[in-house]
């Protein structure tokens, strides 16, 4: 089984480039530690912590439509609904796998996976 590191997405509204072309489909790769740490040294992030997501997305979005590159200028021009979509998408693809265990239904014998909910432990 291959380990996936790139994931396709489609923006709800899309990026409109300077020529008026709409770009909605893209590819985001998994983030590395450097992707999250290095932007913290950027003066734009130090002045405005919200700018972290702009730099982060410019690093992890490998493709957006027919654009040759995705840079901070591109991310700055995204609609807020597209930025919210990308934030959610980023969280989902970079989230750690939730451990699970195999459970067997006592009535029918059907096996299924039950995720471990760490928030409920100790209660």
PDB file of N, CA and C in Angstrom:
ATOM      1  N   UNK A   1       0.843  -1.183   0.000  1.00  0.00           N
ATOM      2  CA  UNK A   1       0.000   0.000   0.000  1.00  0.00           C
ATOM      3  C   UNK A   1       0.887   1.245   0.000  1.00  0.00           C
ATOM      4  N   UNK A   2       0.648   2.152  -0.906  1.00  0.00           N
ATOM      5  CA  UNK A   2       1.440   3.378  -1.026  1.00  0.00           C
ATOM      6  C   UNK A   2       0.949   4.415  -0.017  1.00  0.00           C
ATOM      7  N   UNK A   3       1.870   5.175   0.496  1.00  0.00           N
ATOM      8  CA  UNK A   3       1.564   6.254   1.432  1.00  0.00           C
ATOM      9  C   UNK A   3       1.259   7.503   0.622  1.00  0.00           C
ATOM     10  N   UNK A   4       0.057   8.020   0.758  1.00  0.00           N
ATOM     11  CA  UNK A   4      -0.340   9.199  -0.020  1.00  0.00           C
ATOM     12  C   UNK A   4       0.179  10.467   0.638  1.00  0.00           C
ATOM     13  N   UNK A   5       0.752  11.332  -0.166  1.00  0.00           N
ATOM     14  CA  UNK A   5       1.260  12.608   0.342  1.00  0.00           C
ATOM     15  C   UNK A   5       0.642  13.802  -0.376  1.00  0.00           C
ATOM     16  N   UNK A   6      -0.119  13.565  -1.447  1.00  0.00           N
ATOM     17  CA  UNK A   6      -0.755  14.644  -2.200  1.00  0.00           C
ATOM     18  C   UNK A   6      -2.245  14.348  -2.334  1.00  0.00           C
ATOM     19  N   UNK A   7      -3.061  15.405  -2.177  1.00  0.00           N
ATOM     20  CA  UNK A   7      -4.501  15.234  -2.163  1.00  0.00           C
ATOM     21  C   UNK A   7      -5.168  16.295  -3.033  1.00  0.00           C
ATOM     22  N   UNK A   8      -6.053  15.872  -3.935  1.00  0.00           N
ATOM     23  CA  UNK A   8      -6.764  16.839  -4.780  1.00  0.00           C
ATOM     24  C   UNK A   8      -7.877  17.539  -4.003  1.00  0.00           C
ATOM     25  N   UNK A   9      -8.158  18.759  -4.394  1.00  0.00           N
ATOM     26  CA  UNK A   9      -9.258  19.518  -3.794  1.00  0.00           C
ATOM     27  C   UNK A   9      -9.904  20.387  -4.861  1.00  0.00           C
ATOM     28  N   UNK A  10     -11.083  20.886  -4.545  1.00  0.00           N
ATOM     29  CA  UNK A  10     -11.777  21.828  -5.423  1.00  0.00           C
ATOM     30  C   UNK A  10     -12.351  22.943  -4.566  1.00  0.00           C
ATOM     31  N   UNK A  11     -11.904  24.170  -4.831  1.00  0.00           N
ATOM     32  CA  UNK A  11     -12.354  25.318  -4.053  1.00  0.00           C
ATOM     33  C   UNK A  11     -13.829  25.605  -4.307  1.00  0.00           C
ATOM     34  N   UNK A  12     -14.557  26.025  -3.273  1.00  0.00           N
ATOM     35  CA  UNK A  12     -15.981  26.343  -3.447  1.00  0.00           C
ATOM     36  C   UNK A  12     -16.233  27.459  -4.463  1.00  0.00           C
ATOM     37  N   UNK A  13     -15.442  28.524  -4.403  1.00  0.00           N
ATOM     38  CA  UNK A  13     -15.624  29.649  -5.334  1.00  0.00           C
ATOM     39  C   UNK A  13     -14.532  29.661  -6.391  1.00  0.00           C
ATOM     40  N   UNK A  14     -13.281  29.598  -5.973  1.00  0.00           N
ATOM     41  CA  UNK A  14     -12.167  29.569  -6.910  1.00  0.00           C
ATOM     42  C   UNK A  14     -11.387  30.867  -6.927  1.00  0.00           C
ATOM     43  N   UNK A  15     -10.159  30.754  -7.392  1.00  0.00           N
ATOM     44  CA  UNK A  15      -9.250  31.891  -7.502  1.00  0.00           C
ATOM     45  C   UNK A  15      -9.386  32.492  -8.891  1.00  0.00           C
ATOM     46  N   UNK A  16      -9.525  33.807  -8.943  1.00  0.00           N
ATOM     47  CA  UNK A  16      -9.606  34.511 -10.229  1.00  0.00           C
ATOM     48  C   UNK A  16      -8.276  35.230 -10.437  1.00  0.00           C
ATOM     49  N   UNK A  17      -7.554  34.828 -11.489  1.00  0.00           N
ATOM     50  CA  UNK A  17      -6.242  35.434 -11.731  1.00  0.00           C
ATOM     51  C   UNK A  17      -6.393  36.820 -12.362  1.00  0.00           C
ATOM     52  N   UNK A  18      -5.273  37.470 -12.600  1.00  0.00           N
ATOM     53  CA  UNK A  18      -5.275  38.835 -13.126  1.00  0.00           C
ATOM     54  C   UNK A  18      -5.886  38.942 -14.518  1.00  0.00           C
ATOM     55  N   UNK A  19      -5.955  37.824 -15.262  1.00  0.00           N
ATOM     56  CA  UNK A  19      -6.565  37.817 -16.591  1.00  0.00           C
ATOM     57  C   UNK A  19      -8.043  37.434 -16.548  1.00  0.00           C
ATOM     58  N   UNK A  20      -8.591  37.206 -15.343  1.00  0.00           N
ATOM     59  CA  UNK A  20      -9.998  36.855 -15.202  1.00  0.00           C
ATOM     60  C   UNK A  20     -10.289  35.367 -15.307  1.00  0.00           C
ATOM     61  N   UNK A  21      -9.252  34.529 -15.354  1.00  0.00           N
ATOM     62  CA  UNK A  21      -9.447  33.071 -15.430  1.00  0.00           C
ATOM     63  C   UNK A  21      -9.725  32.506 -14.044  1.00  0.00           C
ATOM     64  N   UNK A  22     -10.673  31.570 -13.987  1.00  0.00           N
ATOM     65  CA  UNK A  22     -11.053  30.935 -12.731  1.00  0.00           C
ATOM     66  C   UNK A  22     -10.276  29.636 -12.540  1.00  0.00           C
ATOM     67  N   UNK A  23      -9.723  29.459 -11.340  1.00  0.00           N
ATOM     68  CA  UNK A  23      -8.957  28.259 -10.993  1.00  0.00           C
ATOM     69  C   UNK A  23      -9.568  27.668  -9.725  1.00  0.00           C
ATOM     70  N   UNK A  24     -10.099  26.461  -9.813  1.00  0.00           N
ATOM     71  CA  UNK A  24     -10.756  25.852  -8.644  1.00  0.00           C
ATOM     72  C   UNK A  24     -10.099  24.563  -8.185  1.00  0.00           C
ATOM     73  N   UNK A  25      -9.589  23.757  -9.109  1.00  0.00           N
ATOM     74  CA  UNK A  25      -9.026  22.458  -8.735  1.00  0.00           C
ATOM     75  C   UNK A  25      -7.548  22.584  -8.426  1.00  0.00           C
ATOM     76  N   UNK A  26      -7.140  21.887  -7.363  1.00  0.00           N
ATOM     77  CA  UNK A  26      -5.745  21.960  -6.971  1.00  0.00           C
ATOM     78  C   UNK A  26      -5.283  20.690  -6.294  1.00  0.00           C
ATOM     79  N   UNK A  27      -4.025  20.727  -5.879  1.00  0.00           N
ATOM     80  CA  UNK A  27      -3.418  19.611  -5.160  1.00  0.00           C
ATOM     81  C   UNK A  27      -2.668  20.198  -3.970  1.00  0.00           C
ATOM     82  N   UNK A  28      -2.933  19.618  -2.801  1.00  0.00           N
ATOM     83  CA  UNK A  28      -2.227  20.009  -1.586  1.00  0.00           C
ATOM     84  C   UNK A  28      -1.425  18.806  -1.104  1.00  0.00           C
ATOM     85  N   UNK A  29      -0.196  19.060  -0.691  1.00  0.00           N
ATOM     86  CA  UNK A  29       0.625  17.980  -0.152  1.00  0.00           C
ATOM     87  C   UNK A  29       0.578  18.026   1.373  1.00  0.00           C
ATOM     88  N   UNK A  30       0.967  16.910   1.988  1.00  0.00           N
ATOM     89  CA  UNK A  30       1.073  16.881   3.437  1.00  0.00           C
ATOM     90  C   UNK A  30       2.115  17.899   3.886  1.00  0.00           C
ATOM     91  N   UNK A  31       1.890  18.490   5.030  1.00  0.00           N
ATOM     92  CA  UNK A  31       2.824  19.468   5.574  1.00  0.00           C
ATOM     93  C   UNK A  31       3.973  18.769   6.284  1.00  0.00           C
ATOM     94  N   UNK A  32       5.112  19.414   6.258  1.00  0.00           N
ATOM     95  CA  UNK A  32       6.275  18.950   7.006  1.00  0.00           C
ATOM     96  C   UNK A  32       6.433  19.845   8.241  1.00  0.00           C
ATOM     97  N   UNK A  33       7.319  19.442   9.126  1.00  0.00           N
ATOM     98  CA  UNK A  33       7.599  20.276  10.291  1.00  0.00           C
ATOM     99  C   UNK A  33       8.100  21.652   9.846  1.00  0.00           C
ATOM    100  N   UNK A  34       8.945  21.680   8.824  1.00  0.00           N
ATOM    101  CA  UNK A  34       9.484  22.950   8.330  1.00  0.00           C
ATOM    102  C   UNK A  34       8.377  23.866   7.817  1.00  0.00           C
ATOM    103  N   UNK A  35       7.342  23.291   7.206  1.00  0.00           N
ATOM    104  CA  UNK A  35       6.235  24.104   6.696  1.00  0.00           C
ATOM    105  C   UNK A  35       5.551  24.873   7.817  1.00  0.00           C
ATOM    106  N   UNK A  36       5.502  24.286   9.000  1.00  0.00           N
ATOM    107  CA  UNK A  36       4.827  24.948  10.114  1.00  0.00           C
ATOM    108  C   UNK A  36       5.781  25.796  10.956  1.00  0.00           C
ATOM    109  N   UNK A  37       7.057  25.446  10.968  1.00  0.00           N
ATOM    110  CA  UNK A  37       8.016  26.162  11.827  1.00  0.00           C
ATOM    111  C   UNK A  37       8.644  27.368  11.136  1.00  0.00           C
ATOM    112  N   UNK A  38       9.130  27.201   9.906  1.00  0.00           N
ATOM    113  CA  UNK A  38       9.859  28.279   9.228  1.00  0.00           C
ATOM    114  C   UNK A  38       9.046  29.568   9.051  1.00  0.00           C
ATOM    115  N   UNK A  39       7.746  29.499   8.720  1.00  0.00           N
ATOM    116  CA  UNK A  39       6.997  30.763   8.579  1.00  0.00           C
ATOM    117  C   UNK A  39       6.925  31.581   9.866  1.00  0.00           C
ATOM    118  N   UNK A  40       7.142  30.938  11.023  1.00  0.00           N
ATOM    119  CA  UNK A  40       7.090  31.674  12.290  1.00  0.00           C
ATOM    120  C   UNK A  40       8.205  32.723  12.381  1.00  0.00           C
ATOM    121  N   UNK A  41       9.273  32.550  11.602  1.00  0.00           N
ATOM    122  CA  UNK A  41      10.382  33.507  11.584  1.00  0.00           C
ATOM    123  C   UNK A  41      10.110  34.676  10.639  1.00  0.00           C
ATOM    124  N   UNK A  42       9.099  34.540   9.784  1.00  0.00           N
ATOM    125  CA  UNK A  42       8.788  35.579   8.801  1.00  0.00           C
ATOM    126  C   UNK A  42       8.241  36.814   9.517  1.00  0.00           C
ATOM    127  N   UNK A  43       8.763  38.009   9.198  1.00  0.00           N
ATOM    128  CA  UNK A  43       8.294  39.235   9.855  1.00  0.00           C
ATOM    129  C   UNK A  43       6.797  39.488   9.663  1.00  0.00           C
ATOM    130  N   UNK A  44       6.244  39.047   8.537  1.00  0.00           N
ATOM    131  CA  UNK A  44       4.802  39.248   8.309  1.00  0.00           C
ATOM    132  C   UNK A  44       3.979  38.462   9.320  1.00  0.00           C
ATOM    133  N   UNK A  45       4.455  37.288   9.701  1.00  0.00           N
ATOM    134  CA  UNK A  45       3.759  36.466  10.698  1.00  0.00           C
ATOM    135  C   UNK A  45       3.972  37.048  12.093  1.00  0.00           C
ATOM    136  N   UNK A  46       5.167  37.564  12.359  1.00  0.00           N
ATOM    137  CA  UNK A  46       5.443  38.151  13.660  1.00  0.00           C
ATOM    138  C   UNK A  46       4.597  39.402  13.895  1.00  0.00           C
ATOM    139  N   UNK A  47       4.326  40.159  12.812  1.00  0.00           N
ATOM    140  CA  UNK A  47       3.481  41.345  12.924  1.00  0.00           C
ATOM    141  C   UNK A  47       2.000  40.991  12.958  1.00  0.00           C
ATOM    142  N   UNK A  48       1.632  39.921  12.264  1.00  0.00           N
ATOM    143  CA  UNK A  48       0.231  39.508  12.185  1.00  0.00           C
ATOM    144  C   UNK A  48       0.175  37.983  12.142  1.00  0.00           C
ATOM    145  N   UNK A  49      -0.053  37.323  13.278  1.00  0.00           N
ATOM    146  CA  UNK A  49      -0.055  35.861  13.333  1.00  0.00           C
ATOM    147  C   UNK A  49      -1.034  35.199  12.354  1.00  0.00           C
ATOM    148  N   UNK A  50      -2.069  35.905  11.941  1.00  0.00           N
ATOM    149  CA  UNK A  50      -3.027  35.345  10.979  1.00  0.00           C
ATOM    150  C   UNK A  50      -2.389  35.096   9.616  1.00  0.00           C
ATOM    151  N   UNK A  51      -1.269  35.766   9.355  1.00  0.00           N
ATOM    152  CA  UNK A  51      -0.588  35.608   8.066  1.00  0.00           C
ATOM    153  C   UNK A  51       0.078  34.243   7.934  1.00  0.00           C
ATOM    154  N   UNK A  52       0.188  33.514   9.043  1.00  0.00           N
ATOM    155  CA  UNK A  52       0.786  32.183   9.020  1.00  0.00           C
ATOM    156  C   UNK A  52       0.095  31.280   8.003  1.00  0.00           C
ATOM    157  N   UNK A  53      -1.222  31.298   7.962  1.00  0.00           N
ATOM    158  CA  UNK A  53      -1.940  30.421   7.029  1.00  0.00           C
ATOM    159  C   UNK A  53      -1.648  30.796   5.578  1.00  0.00           C
ATOM    160  N   UNK A  54      -1.429  32.083   5.295  1.00  0.00           N
ATOM    161  CA  UNK A  54      -1.115  32.507   3.927  1.00  0.00           C
ATOM    162  C   UNK A  54       0.204  31.881   3.485  1.00  0.00           C
ATOM    163  N   UNK A  55       1.222  31.994   4.334  1.00  0.00           N
ATOM    164  CA  UNK A  55       2.523  31.426   3.992  1.00  0.00           C
ATOM    165  C   UNK A  55       2.455  29.903   3.946  1.00  0.00           C
ATOM    166  N   UNK A  56       1.775  29.322   4.908  1.00  0.00           N
ATOM    167  CA  UNK A  56       1.653  27.865   4.967  1.00  0.00           C
ATOM    168  C   UNK A  56       1.006  27.318   3.697  1.00  0.00           C
ATOM    169  N   UNK A  57      -0.096  27.908   3.265  1.00  0.00           N
ATOM    170  CA  UNK A  57      -0.764  27.419   2.054  1.00  0.00           C
ATOM    171  C   UNK A  57       0.081  27.655   0.806  1.00  0.00           C
ATOM    172  N   UNK A  58       0.853  28.731   0.783  1.00  0.00           N
ATOM    173  CA  UNK A  58       1.719  28.952  -0.382  1.00  0.00           C
ATOM    174  C   UNK A  58       2.812  27.885  -0.458  1.00  0.00           C
ATOM    175  N   UNK A  59       3.116  27.246   0.658  1.00  0.00           N
ATOM    176  CA  UNK A  59       4.117  26.181   0.687  1.00  0.00           C
ATOM    177  C   UNK A  59       3.529  24.812   0.336  1.00  0.00           C
ATOM    178  N   UNK A  60       2.300  24.525   0.787  1.00  0.00           N
ATOM    179  CA  UNK A  60       1.769  23.159   0.644  1.00  0.00           C
ATOM    180  C   UNK A  60       0.840  22.968  -0.558  1.00  0.00           C
ATOM    181  N   UNK A  61       0.342  24.045  -1.149  1.00  0.00           N
ATOM    182  CA  UNK A  61      -0.484  23.900  -2.358  1.00  0.00           C
ATOM    183  C   UNK A  61       0.469  23.769  -3.545  1.00  0.00           C
ATOM    184  N   UNK A  62       0.488  22.583  -4.132  1.00  0.00           N
ATOM    185  CA  UNK A  62       1.412  22.305  -5.234  1.00  0.00           C
ATOM    186  C   UNK A  62       0.861  22.768  -6.569  1.00  0.00           C
ATOM    187  N   UNK A  63      -0.456  22.804  -6.673  1.00  0.00           N
ATOM    188  CA  UNK A  63      -1.073  23.146  -7.953  1.00  0.00           C
ATOM    189  C   UNK A  63      -2.422  23.776  -7.687  1.00  0.00           C
ATOM    190  N   UNK A  64      -2.761  24.779  -8.490  1.00  0.00           N
ATOM    191  CA  UNK A  64      -4.087  25.382  -8.469  1.00  0.00           C
ATOM    192  C   UNK A  64      -4.433  25.760  -9.900  1.00  0.00           C
ATOM    193  N   UNK A  65      -5.346  24.998 -10.469  1.00  0.00           N
ATOM    194  CA  UNK A  65      -5.741  25.235 -11.851  1.00  0.00           C
ATOM    195  C   UNK A  65      -4.551  25.194 -12.781  1.00  0.00           C
ATOM    196  N   UNK A  66      -4.485  26.177 -13.677  1.00  0.00           N
ATOM    197  CA  UNK A  66      -3.395  26.248 -14.652  1.00  0.00           C
ATOM    198  C   UNK A  66      -2.261  27.182 -14.216  1.00  0.00           C
ATOM    199  N   UNK A  67      -2.275  27.626 -12.978  1.00  0.00           N
ATOM    200  CA  UNK A  67      -1.236  28.540 -12.505  1.00  0.00           C
ATOM    201  C   UNK A  67       0.114  27.836 -12.480  1.00  0.00           C
ATOM    202  N   UNK A  68       1.155  28.587 -12.821  1.00  0.00           N
ATOM    203  CA  UNK A  68       2.503  28.018 -12.796  1.00  0.00           C
ATOM    204  C   UNK A  68       3.002  27.851 -11.372  1.00  0.00           C
ATOM    205  N   UNK A  69       2.651  28.808 -10.502  1.00  0.00           N
ATOM    206  CA  UNK A  69       3.050  28.739  -9.099  1.00  0.00           C
ATOM    207  C   UNK A  69       1.912  29.251  -8.220  1.00  0.00           C
ATOM    208  N   UNK A  70       1.947  28.822  -6.973  1.00  0.00           N
ATOM    209  CA  UNK A  70       1.032  29.364  -5.969  1.00  0.00           C
ATOM    210  C   UNK A  70       1.924  30.027  -4.924  1.00  0.00           C
ATOM    211  N   UNK A  71       1.808  31.350  -4.820  1.00  0.00           N
ATOM    212  CA  UNK A  71       2.628  32.090  -3.878  1.00  0.00           C
ATOM    213  C   UNK A  71       1.730  32.844  -2.898  1.00  0.00           C
ATOM    214  N   UNK A  72       2.334  33.635  -2.026  1.00  0.00           N
ATOM    215  CA  UNK A  72       1.535  34.359  -1.030  1.00  0.00           C
ATOM    216  C   UNK A  72       0.567  35.345  -1.689  1.00  0.00           C
ATOM    217  N   UNK A  73       0.955  35.929  -2.801  1.00  0.00           N
ATOM    218  CA  UNK A  73       0.067  36.840  -3.529  1.00  0.00           C
ATOM    219  C   UNK A  73      -1.207  36.104  -3.959  1.00  0.00           C
ATOM    220  N   UNK A  74      -1.044  34.875  -4.439  1.00  0.00           N
ATOM    221  CA  UNK A  74      -2.193  34.066  -4.864  1.00  0.00           C
ATOM    222  C   UNK A  74      -3.103  33.785  -3.675  1.00  0.00           C
ATOM    223  N   UNK A  75      -2.525  33.326  -2.577  1.00  0.00           N
ATOM    224  CA  UNK A  75      -3.318  32.972  -1.398  1.00  0.00           C
ATOM    225  C   UNK A  75      -4.010  34.206  -0.823  1.00  0.00           C
ATOM    226  N   UNK A  76      -3.345  35.351  -0.833  1.00  0.00           N
ATOM    227  CA  UNK A  76      -3.948  36.590  -0.332  1.00  0.00           C
ATOM    228  C   UNK A  76      -5.205  36.965  -1.103  1.00  0.00           C
ATOM    229  N   UNK A  77      -5.276  36.600  -2.376  1.00  0.00           N
ATOM    230  CA  UNK A  77      -6.410  36.977  -3.217  1.00  0.00           C
ATOM    231  C   UNK A  77      -7.550  35.960  -3.199  1.00  0.00           C
ATOM    232  N   UNK A  78      -7.434  34.896  -2.394  1.00  0.00           N
ATOM    233  CA  UNK A  78      -8.518  33.916  -2.304  1.00  0.00           C
ATOM    234  C   UNK A  78      -9.712  34.518  -1.573  1.00  0.00           C
ATOM    235  N   UNK A  79     -10.895  34.091  -1.930  1.00  0.00           N
ATOM    236  CA  UNK A  79     -12.094  34.484  -1.201  1.00  0.00           C
ATOM    237  C   UNK A  79     -12.050  33.845   0.181  1.00  0.00           C
ATOM    238  N   UNK A  80     -12.674  34.485   1.166  1.00  0.00           N
ATOM    239  CA  UNK A  80     -12.616  33.964   2.534  1.00  0.00           C
ATOM    240  C   UNK A  80     -13.233  32.571   2.650  1.00  0.00           C
ATOM    241  N   UNK A  81     -14.263  32.282   1.860  1.00  0.00           N
ATOM    242  CA  UNK A  81     -14.852  30.941   1.917  1.00  0.00           C
ATOM    243  C   UNK A  81     -13.874  29.890   1.403  1.00  0.00           C
ATOM    244  N   UNK A  82     -13.049  30.240   0.421  1.00  0.00           N
ATOM    245  CA  UNK A  82     -12.039  29.314  -0.082  1.00  0.00           C
ATOM    246  C   UNK A  82     -10.923  29.129   0.943  1.00  0.00           C
ATOM    247  N   UNK A  83     -10.547  30.201   1.630  1.00  0.00           N
ATOM    248  CA  UNK A  83      -9.528  30.090   2.665  1.00  0.00           C
ATOM    249  C   UNK A  83     -10.022  29.198   3.809  1.00  0.00           C
ATOM    250  N   UNK A  84     -11.281  29.364   4.198  1.00  0.00           N
ATOM    251  CA  UNK A  84     -11.859  28.512   5.248  1.00  0.00           C
ATOM    252  C   UNK A  84     -11.886  27.055   4.794  1.00  0.00           C
ATOM    253  N   UNK A  85     -12.230  26.829   3.536  1.00  0.00           N
ATOM    254  CA  UNK A  85     -12.230  25.467   2.985  1.00  0.00           C
ATOM    255  C   UNK A  85     -10.830  24.865   3.070  1.00  0.00           C
ATOM    256  N   UNK A  86      -9.811  25.628   2.665  1.00  0.00           N
ATOM    257  CA  UNK A  86      -8.439  25.127   2.683  1.00  0.00           C
ATOM    258  C   UNK A  86      -7.964  24.850   4.106  1.00  0.00           C
ATOM    259  N   UNK A  87      -8.368  25.681   5.056  1.00  0.00           N
ATOM    260  CA  UNK A  87      -7.985  25.439   6.452  1.00  0.00           C
ATOM    261  C   UNK A  87      -8.564  24.115   6.945  1.00  0.00           C
ATOM    262  N   UNK A  88      -9.814  23.858   6.625  1.00  0.00           N
ATOM    263  CA  UNK A  88     -10.445  22.594   7.006  1.00  0.00           C
ATOM    264  C   UNK A  88      -9.784  21.419   6.288  1.00  0.00           C
ATOM    265  N   UNK A  89      -9.531  21.566   4.999  1.00  0.00           N
ATOM    266  CA  UNK A  89      -8.907  20.506   4.206  1.00  0.00           C
ATOM    267  C   UNK A  89      -7.515  20.191   4.751  1.00  0.00           C
ATOM    268  N   UNK A  90      -6.743  21.228   5.067  1.00  0.00           N
ATOM    269  CA  UNK A  90      -5.396  21.064   5.625  1.00  0.00           C
ATOM    270  C   UNK A  90      -5.467  20.251   6.919  1.00  0.00           C
ATOM    271  N   UNK A  91      -6.392  20.607   7.792  1.00  0.00           N
ATOM    272  CA  UNK A  91      -6.533  19.890   9.063  1.00  0.00           C
ATOM    273  C   UNK A  91      -6.864  18.421   8.835  1.00  0.00           C
ATOM    274  N   UNK A  92      -7.774  18.160   7.906  1.00  0.00           N
ATOM    275  CA  UNK A  92      -8.185  16.779   7.665  1.00  0.00           C
ATOM    276  C   UNK A  92      -7.067  15.923   7.104  1.00  0.00           C
ATOM    277  N   UNK A  93      -6.287  16.431   6.170  1.00  0.00           N
ATOM    278  CA  UNK A  93      -5.255  15.576   5.564  1.00  0.00           C
ATOM    279  C   UNK A  93      -4.026  15.437   6.449  1.00  0.00           C
ATOM    280  N   UNK A  94      -3.804  16.405   7.347  1.00  0.00           N
ATOM    281  CA  UNK A  94      -2.620  16.358   8.202  1.00  0.00           C
ATOM    282  C   UNK A  94      -2.900  15.816   9.599  1.00  0.00           C
ATOM    283  N   UNK A  95      -4.140  15.529   9.874  1.00  0.00           N
ATOM    284  CA  UNK A  95      -4.517  15.010  11.188  1.00  0.00           C
ATOM    285  C   UNK A  95      -3.948  13.614  11.379  1.00  0.00           C
ATOM    286  N   UNK A  96      -3.524  13.327  12.591  1.00  0.00           N
ATOM    287  CA  UNK A  96      -3.025  11.984  12.892  1.00  0.00           C
ATOM    288  C   UNK A  96      -4.161  10.986  12.757  1.00  0.00           C
ATOM    289  N   UNK A  97      -3.821   9.774  12.347  1.00  0.00           N
ATOM    290  CA  UNK A  97      -4.813   8.715  12.287  1.00  0.00           C
ATOM    291  C   UNK A  97      -5.294   8.413  13.701  1.00  0.00           C
ATOM    292  N   UNK A  98      -6.596   8.269  13.834  1.00  0.00           N
ATOM    293  CA  UNK A  98      -7.176   7.945  15.125  1.00  0.00           C
ATOM    294  C   UNK A  98      -7.054   6.439  15.339  1.00  0.00           C
ATOM    295  N   UNK A  99      -6.444   6.009  16.452  1.00  0.00           N
ATOM    296  CA  UNK A  99      -6.339   4.574  16.690  1.00  0.00           C
ATOM    297  C   UNK A  99      -7.723   3.963  16.889  1.00  0.00           C
ATOM    298  N   UNK A 100      -7.842   2.710  16.509  1.00  0.00           N
ATOM    299  CA  UNK A 100      -9.124   2.017  16.667  1.00  0.00           C
ATOM    300  C   UNK A 100      -8.865   0.579  17.080  1.00  0.00           C
ATOM    301  N   UNK A 101      -9.908  -0.072  17.512  1.00  0.00           N
ATOM    302  CA  UNK A 101      -9.806  -1.479  17.857  1.00  0.00           C
ATOM    303  C   UNK A 101     -10.974  -2.219  17.223  1.00  0.00           C
ATOM    304  N   UNK A 102     -10.783  -3.508  17.023  1.00  0.00           N
ATOM    305  CA  UNK A 102     -11.820  -4.323  16.407  1.00  0.00           C
ATOM    306  C   UNK A 102     -12.843  -4.713  17.460  1.00  0.00           C
ATOM    307  N   UNK A 103     -14.110  -4.482  17.119  1.00  0.00           N
ATOM    308  CA  UNK A 103     -15.219  -4.818  17.996  1.00  0.00           C
ATOM    309  C   UNK A 103     -16.082  -5.851  17.295  1.00  0.00           C
ATOM    310  N   UNK A 104     -16.663  -6.764  18.061  1.00  0.00           N
ATOM    311  CA  UNK A 104     -17.545  -7.781  17.503  1.00  0.00           C
ATOM    312  C   UNK A 104     -18.921  -7.601  18.130  1.00  0.00           C
ATOM    313  N   UNK A 105     -19.922  -7.511  17.278  1.00  0.00           N
ATOM    314  CA  UNK A 105     -21.297  -7.402  17.754  1.00  0.00           C
ATOM    315  C   UNK A 105     -21.674  -8.715  18.452  1.00  0.00           C
ATOM    316  N   UNK A 106     -22.125  -8.648  19.711  1.00  0.00           N
ATOM    317  CA  UNK A 106     -22.461  -9.874  20.432  1.00  0.00           C
ATOM    318  C   UNK A 106     -23.702 -10.586  19.881  1.00  0.00           C
ATOM    319  N   UNK A 107     -24.517  -9.874  19.129  1.00  0.00           N
ATOM    320  CA  UNK A 107     -25.748 -10.475  18.605  1.00  0.00           C
ATOM    321  C   UNK A 107     -25.539 -11.167  17.262  1.00  0.00           C
ATOM    322  N   UNK A 108     -24.812 -10.490  16.348  1.00  0.00           N
ATOM    323  CA  UNK A 108     -24.691 -11.053  15.000  1.00  0.00           C
ATOM    324  C   UNK A 108     -23.281 -11.525  14.660  1.00  0.00           C
ATOM    325  N   UNK A 109     -22.288 -11.163  15.486  1.00  0.00           N
ATOM    326  CA  UNK A 109     -20.919 -11.577  15.224  1.00  0.00           C
ATOM    327  C   UNK A 109     -20.190 -10.720  14.198  1.00  0.00           C
ATOM    328  N   UNK A 110     -20.814  -9.654  13.700  1.00  0.00           N
ATOM    329  CA  UNK A 110     -20.196  -8.766  12.716  1.00  0.00           C
ATOM    330  C   UNK A 110     -19.039  -8.002  13.362  1.00  0.00           C
ATOM    331  N   UNK A 111     -17.867  -7.974  12.689  1.00  0.00           N
ATOM    332  CA  UNK A 111     -16.714  -7.227  13.176  1.00  0.00           C
ATOM    333  C   UNK A 111     -16.712  -5.835  12.561  1.00  0.00           C
ATOM    334  N   UNK A 112     -16.345  -4.836  13.362  1.00  0.00           N
ATOM    335  CA  UNK A 112     -16.211  -3.477  12.857  1.00  0.00           C
ATOM    336  C   UNK A 112     -15.162  -2.745  13.689  1.00  0.00           C
ATOM    337  N   UNK A 113     -14.631  -1.650  13.131  1.00  0.00           N
ATOM    338  CA  UNK A 113     -13.595  -0.866  13.799  1.00  0.00           C
ATOM    339  C   UNK A 113     -14.243   0.240  14.628  1.00  0.00           C
ATOM    340  N   UNK A 114     -13.819   0.364  15.873  1.00  0.00           N
ATOM    341  CA  UNK A 114     -14.311   1.405  16.766  1.00  0.00           C
ATOM    342  C   UNK A 114     -13.159   2.340  17.090  1.00  0.00           C
ATOM    343  N   UNK A 115     -13.298   3.645  16.773  1.00  0.00           N
ATOM    344  CA  UNK A 115     -12.211   4.572  17.093  1.00  0.00           C
ATOM    345  C   UNK A 115     -12.082   4.764  18.601  1.00  0.00           C
ATOM    346  N   UNK A 116     -10.840   4.948  19.053  1.00  0.00           N
ATOM    347  CA  UNK A 116     -10.580   5.219  20.464  1.00  0.00           C
ATOM    348  C   UNK A 116     -10.795   6.699  20.673  1.00  0.00           C
ATOM    349  N   UNK A 117     -11.663   7.051  21.619  1.00  0.00           N
ATOM    350  CA  UNK A 117     -11.926   8.452  21.918  1.00  0.00           C
ATOM    351  C   UNK A 117     -11.175   8.814  23.195  1.00  0.00           C
ATOM    352  N   UNK A 118     -10.013   9.486  23.025  1.00  0.00           N
ATOM    353  CA  UNK A 118      -9.190   9.808  24.178  1.00  0.00           C
ATOM    354  C   UNK A 118      -9.861  10.804  25.119  1.00  0.00           C
ATOM    355  N   UNK A 119     -10.820  11.562  24.622  1.00  0.00           N
ATOM    356  CA  UNK A 119     -11.502  12.529  25.474  1.00  0.00           C
ATOM    357  C   UNK A 119     -12.403  11.864  26.502  1.00  0.00           C
ATOM    358  N   UNK A 120     -12.804  10.616  26.236  1.00  0.00           N
ATOM    359  CA  UNK A 120     -13.707   9.924  27.140  1.00  0.00           C
ATOM    360  C   UNK A 120     -12.978   9.034  28.138  1.00  0.00           C
ATOM    361  N   UNK A 121     -11.687   8.846  27.980  1.00  0.00           N
ATOM    362  CA  UNK A 121     -10.959   7.963  28.885  1.00  0.00           C
ATOM    363  C   UNK A 121     -10.884   8.589  30.263  1.00  0.00           C
ATOM    364  N   UNK A 122     -10.968   7.750  31.272  1.00  0.00           N
ATOM    365  CA  UNK A 122     -10.864   8.229  32.641  1.00  0.00           C
ATOM    366  C   UNK A 122     -12.167   8.744  33.206  1.00  0.00           C
ATOM    367  N   UNK A 123     -13.261   8.601  32.482  1.00  0.00           N
ATOM    368  CA  UNK A 123     -14.554   9.086  32.996  1.00  0.00           C
ATOM    369  C   UNK A 123     -15.354   7.954  33.555  1.00  0.00           C
TER     370      UNK A 123
END
